[in-house]
N, C-alpha and C. Protein backbone atom coordinates (compact mmCIF):
# COMPACT_ATOMS: atom_id res chain seq x y z
N MET A 1 161.37 187.08 180.46
CA MET A 1 162.60 187.05 181.23
C MET A 1 162.44 188.02 182.39
N ASN A 2 162.80 187.58 183.61
CA ASN A 2 162.65 188.49 184.75
C ASN A 2 163.83 189.47 184.82
N GLU A 3 163.68 190.51 185.61
CA GLU A 3 164.69 191.57 185.70
C GLU A 3 166.03 191.05 186.21
N HIS A 4 166.02 190.09 187.11
CA HIS A 4 167.27 189.52 187.64
C HIS A 4 168.09 188.89 186.53
N CYS A 5 167.45 188.17 185.64
CA CYS A 5 168.15 187.51 184.53
C CYS A 5 168.77 188.51 183.57
N LYS A 6 168.14 189.66 183.41
CA LYS A 6 168.65 190.67 182.50
C LYS A 6 169.94 191.31 183.02
N THR A 7 170.08 191.40 184.33
CA THR A 7 171.22 192.11 184.91
C THR A 7 172.33 191.19 185.39
N HIS A 8 172.11 189.89 185.42
CA HIS A 8 173.13 188.95 185.89
C HIS A 8 173.41 187.92 184.80
N PRO A 9 174.67 187.84 184.36
CA PRO A 9 174.98 186.85 183.32
C PRO A 9 174.82 185.43 183.86
N ALA A 10 174.63 184.49 182.96
CA ALA A 10 174.47 183.09 183.34
C ALA A 10 175.74 182.58 184.01
N LEU A 11 175.59 181.79 185.05
CA LEU A 11 176.73 181.18 185.71
C LEU A 11 177.21 180.00 184.90
N SER A 12 178.51 179.81 184.87
CA SER A 12 179.01 178.61 184.20
C SER A 12 179.28 177.55 185.26
N LEU A 13 178.87 176.35 184.97
CA LEU A 13 179.05 175.24 185.90
C LEU A 13 180.00 174.23 185.29
N ARG A 14 180.76 173.59 186.16
CA ARG A 14 181.65 172.51 185.72
C ARG A 14 181.28 171.26 186.48
N TRP A 15 180.90 170.23 185.78
CA TRP A 15 180.47 168.96 186.36
C TRP A 15 181.56 167.94 186.09
N ASP A 16 182.02 167.26 187.13
CA ASP A 16 183.10 166.31 186.97
C ASP A 16 182.88 165.14 187.93
N THR A 17 183.58 164.05 187.71
CA THR A 17 183.50 162.88 188.57
C THR A 17 184.56 162.98 189.66
N LEU A 18 184.16 162.69 190.89
CA LEU A 18 185.08 162.70 192.02
C LEU A 18 185.46 161.27 192.38
N PRO A 19 186.52 161.10 193.16
CA PRO A 19 186.87 159.75 193.62
C PRO A 19 185.71 159.14 194.42
N ALA A 20 185.59 157.83 194.36
CA ALA A 20 184.52 157.13 195.07
C ALA A 20 184.77 157.13 196.58
N ILE A 21 183.69 157.13 197.33
CA ILE A 21 183.79 156.94 198.78
C ILE A 21 184.21 155.49 199.00
N PRO A 22 185.13 155.25 199.93
CA PRO A 22 185.65 153.88 200.11
C PRO A 22 184.65 152.92 200.76
N ASP A 23 183.59 152.63 200.04
CA ASP A 23 182.58 151.68 200.51
C ASP A 23 181.93 151.08 199.27
N THR A 24 181.88 149.78 199.18
CA THR A 24 181.36 149.14 197.97
C THR A 24 179.84 149.25 197.82
N THR A 25 179.12 149.45 198.92
CA THR A 25 177.66 149.53 198.86
C THR A 25 177.16 150.94 198.59
N GLY A 26 177.83 151.95 199.16
CA GLY A 26 177.37 153.33 199.05
C GLY A 26 176.48 153.67 200.24
N PHE A 27 176.05 154.91 200.31
CA PHE A 27 175.26 155.38 201.44
C PHE A 27 174.05 156.17 200.95
N ALA A 28 172.95 156.03 201.64
CA ALA A 28 171.76 156.84 201.39
C ALA A 28 171.58 157.79 202.56
N GLY A 29 171.10 158.97 202.28
CA GLY A 29 170.79 159.92 203.34
C GLY A 29 171.99 160.56 204.00
N SER A 30 173.12 160.61 203.31
CA SER A 30 174.30 161.27 203.87
C SER A 30 174.12 162.78 203.84
N PHE A 31 174.87 163.47 204.69
CA PHE A 31 174.94 164.92 204.66
C PHE A 31 176.22 165.28 203.92
N ALA A 32 176.17 166.30 203.09
CA ALA A 32 177.36 166.73 202.35
C ALA A 32 177.43 168.24 202.34
N GLY A 33 178.65 168.75 202.32
CA GLY A 33 178.87 170.18 202.27
C GLY A 33 180.34 170.46 202.07
N THR A 34 180.68 171.74 202.07
CA THR A 34 182.08 172.12 201.92
C THR A 34 182.53 172.96 203.10
N SER A 35 183.83 172.89 203.38
CA SER A 35 184.44 173.70 204.42
C SER A 35 185.88 173.97 204.02
N ASN A 36 186.23 175.24 203.91
CA ASN A 36 187.59 175.64 203.51
C ASN A 36 188.05 174.94 202.25
N GLY A 37 187.16 174.77 201.28
CA GLY A 37 187.51 174.16 200.01
C GLY A 37 187.48 172.65 199.97
N ALA A 38 187.25 172.00 201.11
CA ALA A 38 187.18 170.53 201.16
C ALA A 38 185.72 170.08 201.09
N LEU A 39 185.48 168.95 200.44
CA LEU A 39 184.15 168.34 200.39
C LEU A 39 184.02 167.39 201.57
N LEU A 40 182.95 167.53 202.36
CA LEU A 40 182.69 166.67 203.50
C LEU A 40 181.44 165.85 203.23
N VAL A 41 181.49 164.56 203.50
CA VAL A 41 180.34 163.67 203.40
C VAL A 41 180.26 162.91 204.72
N ALA A 42 179.11 162.97 205.38
CA ALA A 42 179.00 162.37 206.71
C ALA A 42 177.71 161.58 206.86
N GLY A 43 177.83 160.46 207.57
CA GLY A 43 176.67 159.68 207.94
C GLY A 43 176.05 158.94 206.77
N GLY A 44 174.83 158.50 206.99
CA GLY A 44 174.09 157.77 205.98
C GLY A 44 173.79 156.36 206.43
N SER A 45 173.14 155.62 205.57
CA SER A 45 172.77 154.24 205.89
C SER A 45 172.80 153.41 204.61
N ASN A 46 172.81 152.09 204.80
CA ASN A 46 172.72 151.17 203.67
C ASN A 46 172.33 149.79 204.17
N PHE A 47 172.26 148.86 203.26
CA PHE A 47 171.96 147.45 203.55
C PHE A 47 173.19 146.66 203.09
N PRO A 48 174.19 146.50 203.96
CA PRO A 48 175.44 145.85 203.53
C PRO A 48 175.26 144.38 203.17
N GLY A 49 176.24 143.88 202.42
CA GLY A 49 176.22 142.47 202.07
C GLY A 49 175.20 142.10 201.01
N GLY A 50 174.77 143.08 200.22
CA GLY A 50 173.81 142.78 199.15
C GLY A 50 172.37 142.67 199.63
N GLY A 51 172.10 142.98 200.89
CA GLY A 51 170.73 142.90 201.39
C GLY A 51 169.87 144.03 200.85
N THR A 52 168.59 143.80 200.86
CA THR A 52 167.62 144.83 200.48
C THR A 52 166.48 144.81 201.50
N PRO A 53 165.78 145.91 201.65
CA PRO A 53 164.70 145.94 202.64
C PRO A 53 163.58 144.94 202.33
N TRP A 54 163.33 144.69 201.06
CA TRP A 54 162.22 143.80 200.69
C TRP A 54 162.56 142.32 200.82
N ASN A 55 163.85 142.00 201.07
CA ASN A 55 164.16 140.58 201.33
C ASN A 55 164.71 140.37 202.73
N GLY A 56 164.39 141.28 203.64
CA GLY A 56 164.76 141.11 205.04
C GLY A 56 166.15 141.59 205.40
N GLY A 57 166.81 142.35 204.52
CA GLY A 57 168.14 142.88 204.81
C GLY A 57 168.12 143.79 206.04
N THR A 58 169.23 143.85 206.73
CA THR A 58 169.34 144.67 207.94
C THR A 58 169.95 146.03 207.59
N LYS A 59 169.21 147.08 207.92
CA LYS A 59 169.69 148.43 207.66
C LYS A 59 170.75 148.80 208.69
N THR A 60 171.84 149.42 208.21
CA THR A 60 172.93 149.83 209.09
C THR A 60 173.14 151.33 208.92
N TRP A 61 173.27 152.06 210.04
CA TRP A 61 173.53 153.49 210.03
C TRP A 61 175.00 153.72 210.33
N TYR A 62 175.56 154.77 209.75
CA TYR A 62 176.98 155.06 209.90
C TYR A 62 177.20 156.47 210.42
N ASP A 63 178.30 156.64 211.17
CA ASP A 63 178.68 157.98 211.62
C ASP A 63 180.05 158.36 211.05
N HIS A 64 180.43 157.74 209.95
CA HIS A 64 181.70 158.03 209.29
C HIS A 64 181.67 159.44 208.69
N ILE A 65 182.84 160.06 208.64
CA ILE A 65 182.98 161.35 207.95
C ILE A 65 184.12 161.20 206.95
N TYR A 66 183.84 161.49 205.69
CA TYR A 66 184.83 161.42 204.63
C TYR A 66 185.16 162.84 204.20
N VAL A 67 186.45 163.11 203.99
CA VAL A 67 186.91 164.43 203.58
C VAL A 67 187.71 164.30 202.30
N LEU A 68 187.32 165.04 201.27
CA LEU A 68 188.08 165.13 200.03
C LEU A 68 188.66 166.54 200.03
N GLU A 69 189.96 166.64 200.29
CA GLU A 69 190.57 167.95 200.53
C GLU A 69 190.62 168.86 199.32
N SER A 70 190.71 168.30 198.13
CA SER A 70 190.75 169.18 196.94
C SER A 70 189.88 168.60 195.82
N PRO A 71 188.57 168.81 195.93
CA PRO A 71 187.66 168.25 194.93
C PRO A 71 187.83 168.86 193.54
């Protein structure tokens, strides 16, 4: 055990499910962070309409920003 572990108690984490982003496909490569207690999710890409890259689906990039004010 390293010295840091001896002097700092273990952090407790709480894992929970948040409301879904209002998009049925979802996004890959989004940026996420917090500001003043709100969760921010911005940008990303997907293949809408059930497309996939291996069957010729068209990739779409987004500049949407979603804010969850009290996660």
